[in-house]
PDB file of N, CA and C in Angstrom:
ATOM      1  N   UNK A   1      -7.278 184.740  77.397  1.00  0.00           N
ATOM      2  CA  UNK A   1      -6.014 185.439  77.479  1.00  0.00           C
ATOM      3  C   UNK A   1      -5.702 186.060  76.117  1.00  0.00           C
ATOM      4  N   UNK A   2      -5.297 187.307  76.140  1.00  0.00           N
ATOM      5  CA  UNK A   2      -4.914 188.003  74.910  1.00  0.00           C
ATOM      6  C   UNK A   2      -3.490 187.593  74.527  1.00  0.00           C
ATOM      7  N   UNK A   3      -3.256 187.381  73.245  1.00  0.00           N
ATOM      8  CA  UNK A   3      -1.931 187.012  72.738  1.00  0.00           C
ATOM      9  C   UNK A   3      -1.422 188.172  71.901  1.00  0.00           C
ATOM     10  N   UNK A   4      -0.247 188.691  72.263  1.00  0.00           N
ATOM     11  CA  UNK A   4       0.355 189.807  71.537  1.00  0.00           C
ATOM     12  C   UNK A   4       1.751 189.386  71.079  1.00  0.00           C
ATOM     13  N   UNK A   5       2.017 189.534  69.786  1.00  0.00           N
ATOM     14  CA  UNK A   5       3.350 189.309  69.231  1.00  0.00           C
ATOM     15  C   UNK A   5       4.040 190.662  69.113  1.00  0.00           C
ATOM     16  N   UNK A   6       5.273 190.795  69.615  1.00  0.00           N
ATOM     17  CA  UNK A   6       6.005 192.012  69.319  1.00  0.00           C
ATOM     18  C   UNK A   6       6.338 191.968  67.827  1.00  0.00           C
ATOM     19  N   UNK A   7       6.620 193.133  67.250  1.00  0.00           N
ATOM     20  CA  UNK A   7       6.759 193.244  65.790  1.00  0.00           C
ATOM     21  C   UNK A   7       7.792 192.274  65.217  1.00  0.00           C
ATOM     22  N   UNK A   8       8.957 192.187  65.831  1.00  0.00           N
ATOM     23  CA  UNK A   8       9.995 191.312  65.275  1.00  0.00           C
ATOM     24  C   UNK A   8       9.614 189.838  65.386  1.00  0.00           C
ATOM     25  N   UNK A   9       8.871 189.464  66.406  1.00  0.00           N
ATOM     26  CA  UNK A   9       8.403 188.077  66.528  1.00  0.00           C
ATOM     27  C   UNK A   9       7.393 187.759  65.433  1.00  0.00           C
ATOM     28  N   UNK A  10       6.520 188.706  65.165  1.00  0.00           N
ATOM     29  CA  UNK A  10       5.533 188.525  64.100  1.00  0.00           C
ATOM     30  C   UNK A  10       6.229 188.380  62.746  1.00  0.00           C
ATOM     31  N   UNK A  11       7.255 189.215  62.516  1.00  0.00           N
ATOM     32  CA  UNK A  11       8.003 189.156  61.261  1.00  0.00           C
ATOM     33  C   UNK A  11       8.725 187.824  61.089  1.00  0.00           C
ATOM     34  N   UNK A  12       9.403 187.360  62.151  1.00  0.00           N
ATOM     35  CA  UNK A  12      10.149 186.108  62.004  1.00  0.00           C
ATOM     36  C   UNK A  12       9.210 184.911  61.858  1.00  0.00           C
ATOM     37  N   UNK A  13       8.042 184.976  62.472  1.00  0.00           N
ATOM     38  CA  UNK A  13       7.039 183.921  62.314  1.00  0.00           C
ATOM     39  C   UNK A  13       6.576 183.874  60.857  1.00  0.00           C
ATOM     40  N   UNK A  14       6.261 185.034  60.288  1.00  0.00           N
ATOM     41  CA  UNK A  14       5.836 185.105  58.881  1.00  0.00           C
ATOM     42  C   UNK A  14       6.948 184.624  57.947  1.00  0.00           C
ATOM     43  N   UNK A  15       8.193 185.007  58.242  1.00  0.00           N
ATOM     44  CA  UNK A  15       9.327 184.568  57.421  1.00  0.00           C
ATOM     45  C   UNK A  15       9.498 183.051  57.466  1.00  0.00           C
ATOM     46  N   UNK A  16       9.320 182.469  58.643  1.00  0.00           N
ATOM     47  CA  UNK A  16       9.456 181.013  58.771  1.00  0.00           C
ATOM     48  C   UNK A  16       8.354 180.293  57.992  1.00  0.00           C
ATOM     49  N   UNK A  17       7.141 180.834  58.039  1.00  0.00           N
ATOM     50  CA  UNK A  17       6.035 180.246  57.268  1.00  0.00           C
ATOM     51  C   UNK A  17       6.376 180.273  55.777  1.00  0.00           C
ATOM     52  N   UNK A  18       6.858 181.424  55.295  1.00  0.00           N
ATOM     53  CA  UNK A  18       7.241 181.545  53.879  1.00  0.00           C
ATOM     54  C   UNK A  18       8.345 180.547  53.532  1.00  0.00           C
ATOM     55  N   UNK A  19       9.340 180.456  54.398  1.00  0.00           N
ATOM     56  CA  UNK A  19      10.457 179.535  54.164  1.00  0.00           C
ATOM     57  C   UNK A  19       9.956 178.097  54.026  1.00  0.00           C
ATOM     58  N   UNK A  20       9.129 177.669  54.952  1.00  0.00           N
ATOM     59  CA  UNK A  20       8.624 176.294  54.892  1.00  0.00           C
ATOM     60  C   UNK A  20       7.736 176.072  53.671  1.00  0.00           C
ATOM     61  N   UNK A  21       6.990 177.083  53.251  1.00  0.00           N
ATOM     62  CA  UNK A  21       6.172 176.939  52.041  1.00  0.00           C
ATOM     63  C   UNK A  21       7.030 176.791  50.792  1.00  0.00           C
ATOM     64  N   UNK A  22       8.238 177.376  50.790  1.00  0.00           N
ATOM     65  CA  UNK A  22       9.127 177.190  49.642  1.00  0.00           C
ATOM     66  C   UNK A  22       9.747 175.791  49.646  1.00  0.00           C
ATOM     67  N   UNK A  23       9.827 175.177  50.817  1.00  0.00           N
ATOM     68  CA  UNK A  23      10.390 173.826  50.924  1.00  0.00           C
ATOM     69  C   UNK A  23       9.413 172.767  50.420  1.00  0.00           C
ATOM     70  N   UNK A  24       8.140 172.962  50.754  1.00  0.00           N
ATOM     71  CA  UNK A  24       7.117 171.995  50.359  1.00  0.00           C
ATOM     72  C   UNK A  24       5.751 172.663  50.487  1.00  0.00           C
ATOM     73  N   UNK A  25       4.919 172.494  49.479  1.00  0.00           N
ATOM     74  CA  UNK A  25       3.596 173.110  49.501  1.00  0.00           C
ATOM     75  C   UNK A  25       2.814 172.665  50.741  1.00  0.00           C
ATOM     76  N   UNK A  26       2.309 173.642  51.476  1.00  0.00           N
ATOM     77  CA  UNK A  26       1.514 173.354  52.667  1.00  0.00           C
ATOM     78  C   UNK A  26       2.317 173.217  53.949  1.00  0.00           C
ATOM     79  N   UNK A  27       3.643 173.121  53.836  1.00  0.00           N
ATOM     80  CA  UNK A  27       4.464 172.945  55.034  1.00  0.00           C
ATOM     81  C   UNK A  27       4.431 174.193  55.920  1.00  0.00           C
ATOM     82  N   UNK A  28       4.330 175.360  55.309  1.00  0.00           N
ATOM     83  CA  UNK A  28       4.213 176.595  56.092  1.00  0.00           C
ATOM     84  C   UNK A  28       2.939 176.608  56.914  1.00  0.00           C
ATOM     85  N   UNK A  29       1.841 176.118  56.329  1.00  0.00           N
ATOM     86  CA  UNK A  29       0.578 176.016  57.065  1.00  0.00           C
ATOM     87  C   UNK A  29       0.731 175.062  58.246  1.00  0.00           C
ATOM     88  N   UNK A  30       1.427 173.944  58.020  1.00  0.00           N
ATOM     89  CA  UNK A  30       1.649 172.977  59.099  1.00  0.00           C
ATOM     90  C   UNK A  30       2.503 173.591  60.208  1.00  0.00           C
ATOM     91  N   UNK A  31       3.507 174.382  59.818  1.00  0.00           N
ATOM     92  CA  UNK A  31       4.339 175.069  60.809  1.00  0.00           C
ATOM     93  C   UNK A  31       3.499 176.045  61.633  1.00  0.00           C
ATOM     94  N   UNK A  32       2.669 176.838  60.952  1.00  0.00           N
ATOM     95  CA  UNK A  32       1.811 177.803  61.656  1.00  0.00           C
ATOM     96  C   UNK A  32       0.881 177.087  62.631  1.00  0.00           C
ATOM     97  N   UNK A  33       0.321 175.960  62.209  1.00  0.00           N
ATOM     98  CA  UNK A  33      -0.566 175.188  63.087  1.00  0.00           C
ATOM     99  C   UNK A  33       0.199 174.651  64.294  1.00  0.00           C
ATOM    100  N   UNK A  34       1.438 174.243  64.087  1.00  0.00           N
ATOM    101  CA  UNK A  34       2.260 173.741  65.198  1.00  0.00           C
ATOM    102  C   UNK A  34       2.572 174.857  66.199  1.00  0.00           C
ATOM    103  N   UNK A  35       2.866 176.045  65.696  1.00  0.00           N
ATOM    104  CA  UNK A  35       3.118 177.178  66.597  1.00  0.00           C
ATOM    105  C   UNK A  35       1.843 177.505  67.370  1.00  0.00           C
ATOM    106  N   UNK A  36       0.701 177.443  66.705  1.00  0.00           N
ATOM    107  CA  UNK A  36      -0.579 177.684  67.397  1.00  0.00           C
ATOM    108  C   UNK A  36      -0.785 176.662  68.520  1.00  0.00           C
ATOM    109  N   UNK A  37      -0.503 175.397  68.245  1.00  0.00           N
ATOM    110  CA  UNK A  37      -0.634 174.364  69.290  1.00  0.00           C
ATOM    111  C   UNK A  37       0.335 174.623  70.443  1.00  0.00           C
ATOM    112  N   UNK A  38       1.519 175.098  70.110  1.00  0.00           N
ATOM    113  CA  UNK A  38       2.506 175.422  71.143  1.00  0.00           C
ATOM    114  C   UNK A  38       1.998 176.551  72.024  1.00  0.00           C
ATOM    115  N   UNK A  39       1.418 177.578  71.416  1.00  0.00           N
ATOM    116  CA  UNK A  39       0.865 178.695  72.185  1.00  0.00           C
ATOM    117  C   UNK A  39      -0.299 178.219  73.051  1.00  0.00           C
ATOM    118  N   UNK A  40      -1.099 177.311  72.545  1.00  0.00           N
ATOM    119  CA  UNK A  40      -2.195 176.751  73.354  1.00  0.00           C
ATOM    120  C   UNK A  40      -1.655 176.015  74.576  1.00  0.00           C
ATOM    121  N   UNK A  41      -0.536 175.284  74.408  1.00  0.00           N
ATOM    122  CA  UNK A  41       0.090 174.614  75.562  1.00  0.00           C
ATOM    123  C   UNK A  41       0.607 175.639  76.565  1.00  0.00           C
ATOM    124  N   UNK A  42       1.185 176.716  76.049  1.00  0.00           N
ATOM    125  CA  UNK A  42       1.695 177.776  76.925  1.00  0.00           C
ATOM    126  C   UNK A  42       0.554 178.366  77.742  1.00  0.00           C
ATOM    127  N   UNK A  43      -0.562 178.667  77.090  1.00  0.00           N
ATOM    128  CA  UNK A  43      -1.708 179.251  77.795  1.00  0.00           C
ATOM    129  C   UNK A  43      -2.209 178.300  78.878  1.00  0.00           C
ATOM    130  N   UNK A  44      -2.223 177.024  78.570  1.00  0.00           N
ATOM    131  CA  UNK A  44      -2.713 176.040  79.535  1.00  0.00           C
ATOM    132  C   UNK A  44      -1.760 175.883  80.724  1.00  0.00           C
ATOM    133  N   UNK A  45      -0.450 175.907  80.459  1.00  0.00           N
ATOM    134  CA  UNK A  45       0.561 175.704  81.505  1.00  0.00           C
ATOM    135  C   UNK A  45       1.669 176.758  81.377  1.00  0.00           C
ATOM    136  N   UNK A  46       1.391 178.017  81.642  1.00  0.00           N
ATOM    137  CA  UNK A  46       2.362 179.080  81.379  1.00  0.00           C
ATOM    138  C   UNK A  46       3.654 178.990  82.191  1.00  0.00           C
ATOM    139  N   UNK A  47       3.624 178.356  83.330  1.00  0.00           N
ATOM    140  CA  UNK A  47       4.810 178.273  84.185  1.00  0.00           C
ATOM    141  C   UNK A  47       5.604 176.980  83.974  1.00  0.00           C
ATOM    142  N   UNK A  48       5.170 176.132  83.067  1.00  0.00           N
ATOM    143  CA  UNK A  48       5.765 174.799  82.932  1.00  0.00           C
ATOM    144  C   UNK A  48       7.026 174.754  82.076  1.00  0.00           C
ATOM    145  N   UNK A  49       7.280 175.769  81.285  1.00  0.00           N
ATOM    146  CA  UNK A  49       8.325 175.665  80.265  1.00  0.00           C
ATOM    147  C   UNK A  49       9.636 176.265  80.737  1.00  0.00           C
ATOM    148  N   UNK A  50      10.675 176.050  79.968  1.00  0.00           N
ATOM    149  CA  UNK A  50      12.032 176.432  80.338  1.00  0.00           C
ATOM    150  C   UNK A  50      12.135 177.922  80.643  1.00  0.00           C
ATOM    151  N   UNK A  51      12.658 178.222  81.824  1.00  0.00           N
ATOM    152  CA  UNK A  51      12.820 179.609  82.254  1.00  0.00           C
ATOM    153  C   UNK A  51      14.124 180.152  81.672  1.00  0.00           C
ATOM    154  N   UNK A  52      14.032 181.300  80.978  1.00  0.00           N
ATOM    155  CA  UNK A  52      15.205 181.922  80.375  1.00  0.00           C
ATOM    156  C   UNK A  52      15.683 183.131  81.167  1.00  0.00           C
ATOM    157  N   UNK A  53      14.762 183.770  81.860  1.00  0.00           N
ATOM    158  CA  UNK A  53      15.080 184.902  82.729  1.00  0.00           C
ATOM    159  C   UNK A  53      13.958 184.994  83.758  1.00  0.00           C
ATOM    160  N   UNK A  54      13.984 186.024  84.556  1.00  0.00           N
ATOM    161  CA  UNK A  54      12.988 186.157  85.621  1.00  0.00           C
ATOM    162  C   UNK A  54      11.555 186.091  85.094  1.00  0.00           C
ATOM    163  N   UNK A  55      11.286 186.735  83.949  1.00  0.00           N
ATOM    164  CA  UNK A  55       9.921 186.806  83.415  1.00  0.00           C
ATOM    165  C   UNK A  55       9.730 186.071  82.101  1.00  0.00           C
ATOM    166  N   UNK A  56      10.786 185.533  81.535  1.00  0.00           N
ATOM    167  CA  UNK A  56      10.732 185.003  80.173  1.00  0.00           C
ATOM    168  C   UNK A  56      10.946 183.494  80.157  1.00  0.00           C
ATOM    169  N   UNK A  57      10.150 182.820  79.322  1.00  0.00           N
ATOM    170  CA  UNK A  57      10.233 181.364  79.185  1.00  0.00           C
ATOM    171  C   UNK A  57      10.221 180.966  77.710  1.00  0.00           C
ATOM    172  N   UNK A  58      10.621 179.710  77.463  1.00  0.00           N
ATOM    173  CA  UNK A  58      10.598 179.173  76.100  1.00  0.00           C
ATOM    174  C   UNK A  58       9.896 177.826  76.107  1.00  0.00           C
ATOM    175  N   UNK A  59       9.003 177.657  75.138  1.00  0.00           N
ATOM    176  CA  UNK A  59       8.343 176.372  74.913  1.00  0.00           C
ATOM    177  C   UNK A  59       8.694 175.933  73.489  1.00  0.00           C
ATOM    178  N   UNK A  60       9.256 174.751  73.363  1.00  0.00           N
ATOM    179  CA  UNK A  60       9.632 174.237  72.043  1.00  0.00           C
ATOM    180  C   UNK A  60       8.420 173.675  71.315  1.00  0.00           C
ATOM    181  N   UNK A  61       8.445 173.827  70.001  1.00  0.00           N
ATOM    182  CA  UNK A  61       7.426 173.170  69.192  1.00  0.00           C
ATOM    183  C   UNK A  61       7.765 171.683  69.147  1.00  0.00           C
ATOM    184  N   UNK A  62       6.784 170.864  68.878  1.00  0.00           N
ATOM    185  CA  UNK A  62       7.020 169.417  68.844  1.00  0.00           C
ATOM    186  C   UNK A  62       7.629 168.950  67.531  1.00  0.00           C
ATOM    187  N   UNK A  63       7.190 169.520  66.429  1.00  0.00           N
ATOM    188  CA  UNK A  63       7.557 168.971  65.126  1.00  0.00           C
ATOM    189  C   UNK A  63       8.687 169.717  64.427  1.00  0.00           C
ATOM    190  N   UNK A  64       8.830 170.996  64.701  1.00  0.00           N
ATOM    191  CA  UNK A  64       9.814 171.834  64.020  1.00  0.00           C
ATOM    192  C   UNK A  64      10.872 172.297  65.023  1.00  0.00           C
ATOM    193  N   UNK A  65      12.081 172.636  64.543  1.00  0.00           N
ATOM    194  CA  UNK A  65      13.145 173.056  65.464  1.00  0.00           C
ATOM    195  C   UNK A  65      13.017 174.531  65.862  1.00  0.00           C
ATOM    196  N   UNK A  66      11.892 174.879  66.437  1.00  0.00           N
ATOM    197  CA  UNK A  66      11.598 176.254  66.837  1.00  0.00           C
ATOM    198  C   UNK A  66      11.132 176.290  68.279  1.00  0.00           C
ATOM    199  N   UNK A  67      11.324 177.445  68.892  1.00  0.00           N
ATOM    200  CA  UNK A  67      10.796 177.677  70.226  1.00  0.00           C
ATOM    201  C   UNK A  67      10.022 178.979  70.247  1.00  0.00           C
ATOM    202  N   UNK A  68       8.973 179.022  71.051  1.00  0.00           N
ATOM    203  CA  UNK A  68       8.205 180.246  71.270  1.00  0.00           C
ATOM    204  C   UNK A  68       8.701 180.830  72.585  1.00  0.00           C
ATOM    205  N   UNK A  69       9.266 182.014  72.512  1.00  0.00           N
ATOM    206  CA  UNK A  69       9.773 182.704  73.696  1.00  0.00           C
ATOM    207  C   UNK A  69       8.732 183.735  74.089  1.00  0.00           C
ATOM    208  N   UNK A  70       8.371 183.732  75.368  1.00  0.00           N
ATOM    209  CA  UNK A  70       7.219 184.528  75.790  1.00  0.00           C
ATOM    210  C   UNK A  70       7.355 185.018  77.224  1.00  0.00           C
ATOM    211  N   UNK A  71       6.494 185.981  77.542  1.00  0.00           N
ATOM    212  CA  UNK A  71       6.287 186.447  78.909  1.00  0.00           C
ATOM    213  C   UNK A  71       4.791 186.450  79.171  1.00  0.00           C
ATOM    214  N   UNK A  72       4.410 186.026  80.365  1.00  0.00           N
ATOM    215  CA  UNK A  72       3.007 186.116  80.771  1.00  0.00           C
ATOM    216  C   UNK A  72       2.889 187.358  81.636  1.00  0.00           C
ATOM    217  N   UNK A  73       2.057 188.272  81.198  1.00  0.00           N
ATOM    218  CA  UNK A  73       1.853 189.532  81.915  1.00  0.00           C
ATOM    219  C   UNK A  73       0.370 189.659  82.223  1.00  0.00           C
ATOM    220  N   UNK A  74       0.003 189.304  83.443  1.00  0.00           N
ATOM    221  CA  UNK A  74      -1.394 189.284  83.883  1.00  0.00           C
ATOM    222  C   UNK A  74      -2.218 188.458  82.903  1.00  0.00           C
ATOM    223  N   UNK A  75      -3.125 189.059  82.160  1.00  0.00           N
ATOM    224  CA  UNK A  75      -3.973 188.308  81.219  1.00  0.00           C
ATOM    225  C   UNK A  75      -3.483 188.423  79.778  1.00  0.00           C
ATOM    226  N   UNK A  76      -2.194 188.728  79.613  1.00  0.00           N
ATOM    227  CA  UNK A  76      -1.600 188.870  78.282  1.00  0.00           C
ATOM    228  C   UNK A  76      -0.439 187.896  78.145  1.00  0.00           C
ATOM    229  N   UNK A  77      -0.388 187.214  77.012  1.00  0.00           N
ATOM    230  CA  UNK A  77       0.767 186.404  76.655  1.00  0.00           C
ATOM    231  C   UNK A  77       1.532 187.207  75.613  1.00  0.00           C
ATOM    232  N   UNK A  78       2.722 187.679  75.979  1.00  0.00           N
ATOM    233  CA  UNK A  78       3.554 188.473  75.087  1.00  0.00           C
ATOM    234  C   UNK A  78       4.558 187.552  74.408  1.00  0.00           C
ATOM    235  N   UNK A  79       4.412 187.365  73.103  1.00  0.00           N
ATOM    236  CA  UNK A  79       5.337 186.525  72.340  1.00  0.00           C
ATOM    237  C   UNK A  79       6.497 187.406  71.898  1.00  0.00           C
ATOM    238  N   UNK A  80       7.675 187.077  72.409  1.00  0.00           N
ATOM    239  CA  UNK A  80       8.887 187.854  72.157  1.00  0.00           C
ATOM    240  C   UNK A  80       9.606 187.345  70.917  1.00  0.00           C
ATOM    241  N   UNK A  81       9.537 186.042  70.671  1.00  0.00           N
ATOM    242  CA  UNK A  81      10.240 185.457  69.528  1.00  0.00           C
ATOM    243  C   UNK A  81       9.618 184.117  69.152  1.00  0.00           C
ATOM    244  N   UNK A  82       9.715 183.804  67.867  1.00  0.00           N
ATOM    245  CA  UNK A  82       9.436 182.462  67.349  1.00  0.00           C
ATOM    246  C   UNK A  82      10.737 182.092  66.649  1.00  0.00           C
ATOM    247  N   UNK A  83      11.662 181.520  67.425  1.00  0.00           N
ATOM    248  CA  UNK A  83      13.050 181.377  66.991  1.00  0.00           C
ATOM    249  C   UNK A  83      13.427 179.958  66.623  1.00  0.00           C
ATOM    250  N   UNK A  84      14.218 179.863  65.548  1.00  0.00           N
ATOM    251  CA  UNK A  84      14.852 178.588  65.219  1.00  0.00           C
ATOM    252  C   UNK A  84      15.846 178.285  66.333  1.00  0.00           C
ATOM    253  N   UNK A  85      15.895 177.049  66.775  1.00  0.00           N
ATOM    254  CA  UNK A  85      16.709 176.696  67.933  1.00  0.00           C
ATOM    255  C   UNK A  85      18.211 176.752  67.672  1.00  0.00           C
ATOM    256  N   UNK A  86      18.627 176.886  66.411  1.00  0.00           N
ATOM    257  CA  UNK A  86      20.057 177.001  66.120  1.00  0.00           C
ATOM    258  C   UNK A  86      20.550 178.445  66.203  1.00  0.00           C
ATOM    259  N   UNK A  87      19.647 179.393  66.356  1.00  0.00           N
ATOM    260  CA  UNK A  87      20.042 180.804  66.456  1.00  0.00           C
ATOM    261  C   UNK A  87      20.688 181.087  67.796  1.00  0.00           C
ATOM    262  N   UNK A  88      21.348 182.216  67.870  1.00  0.00           N
ATOM    263  CA  UNK A  88      21.952 182.671  69.122  1.00  0.00           C
ATOM    264  C   UNK A  88      20.885 182.660  70.210  1.00  0.00           C
ATOM    265  N   UNK A  89      21.081 181.878  71.271  1.00  0.00           N
ATOM    266  CA  UNK A  89      20.015 181.696  72.262  1.00  0.00           C
ATOM    267  C   UNK A  89      19.580 182.966  72.986  1.00  0.00           C
ATOM    268  N   UNK A  90      20.436 183.963  73.053  1.00  0.00           N
ATOM    269  CA  UNK A  90      20.090 185.185  73.787  1.00  0.00           C
ATOM    270  C   UNK A  90      19.637 186.321  72.866  1.00  0.00           C
ATOM    271  N   UNK A  91      19.456 186.060  71.585  1.00  0.00           N
ATOM    272  CA  UNK A  91      19.103 187.107  70.618  1.00  0.00           C
ATOM    273  C   UNK A  91      17.818 187.844  70.987  1.00  0.00           C
ATOM    274  N   UNK A  92      16.898 187.172  71.629  1.00  0.00           N
ATOM    275  CA  UNK A  92      15.604 187.766  71.986  1.00  0.00           C
ATOM    276  C   UNK A  92      15.737 188.885  73.011  1.00  0.00           C
ATOM    277  N   UNK A  93      16.814 188.877  73.806  1.00  0.00           N
ATOM    278  CA  UNK A  93      16.942 189.865  74.894  1.00  0.00           C
ATOM    279  C   UNK A  93      16.953 191.300  74.385  1.00  0.00           C
ATOM    280  N   UNK A  94      17.605 191.532  73.258  1.00  0.00           N
ATOM    281  CA  UNK A  94      17.676 192.899  72.735  1.00  0.00           C
ATOM    282  C   UNK A  94      16.298 193.419  72.343  1.00  0.00           C
ATOM    283  N   UNK A  95      15.387 192.542  72.023  1.00  0.00           N
ATOM    284  CA  UNK A  95      14.029 192.960  71.654  1.00  0.00           C
ATOM    285  C   UNK A  95      13.319 193.597  72.833  1.00  0.00           C
ATOM    286  N   UNK A  96      13.538 193.070  74.001  1.00  0.00           N
ATOM    287  CA  UNK A  96      12.901 193.640  75.188  1.00  0.00           C
ATOM    288  C   UNK A  96      13.580 194.937  75.596  1.00  0.00           C
ATOM    289  N   UNK A  97      14.885 195.030  75.372  1.00  0.00           N
ATOM    290  CA  UNK A  97      15.594 196.271  75.683  1.00  0.00           C
ATOM    291  C   UNK A  97      15.143 197.405  74.772  1.00  0.00           C
ATOM    292  N   UNK A  98      14.784 197.055  73.522  1.00  0.00           N
ATOM    293  CA  UNK A  98      14.306 198.066  72.573  1.00  0.00           C
ATOM    294  C   UNK A  98      12.886 198.504  72.887  1.00  0.00           C
ATOM    295  N   UNK A  99      12.262 197.803  73.841  1.00  0.00           N
ATOM    296  CA  UNK A  99      10.894 198.109  74.267  1.00  0.00           C
ATOM    297  C   UNK A  99       9.906 198.047  73.110  1.00  0.00           C
ATOM    298  N   UNK A 100      10.007 196.969  72.323  1.00  0.00           N
ATOM    299  CA  UNK A 100       9.042 196.756  71.242  1.00  0.00           C
ATOM    300  C   UNK A 100       7.673 196.420  71.797  1.00  0.00           C
ATOM    301  N   UNK A 101       7.636 195.923  73.010  1.00  0.00           N
ATOM    302  CA  UNK A 101       6.377 195.454  73.593  1.00  0.00           C
ATOM    303  C   UNK A 101       5.430 196.604  73.854  1.00  0.00           C
TER     304      UNK A 101
END
């Protein structure tokens, strides 16, 4: 399955990695690895996670307070957001309206 991050999701993922690296050396790498494991779980069980809309779901990371918001489109996993769970829960919707995908 191909994995595609929309631009803003890629940016926020990179920003979170940088943030965690400023907190503790190597923590950003651990965060990135956790997001990768989360995406692997999504690929294995794409319909198992919390449904946010008709086509969109969220899978939480295990170790960090983040969720991967995604859509499965045939053989593509479209990552819409890698969001901190304290953010406005519907913030990702405007990304799809802007047609970043």
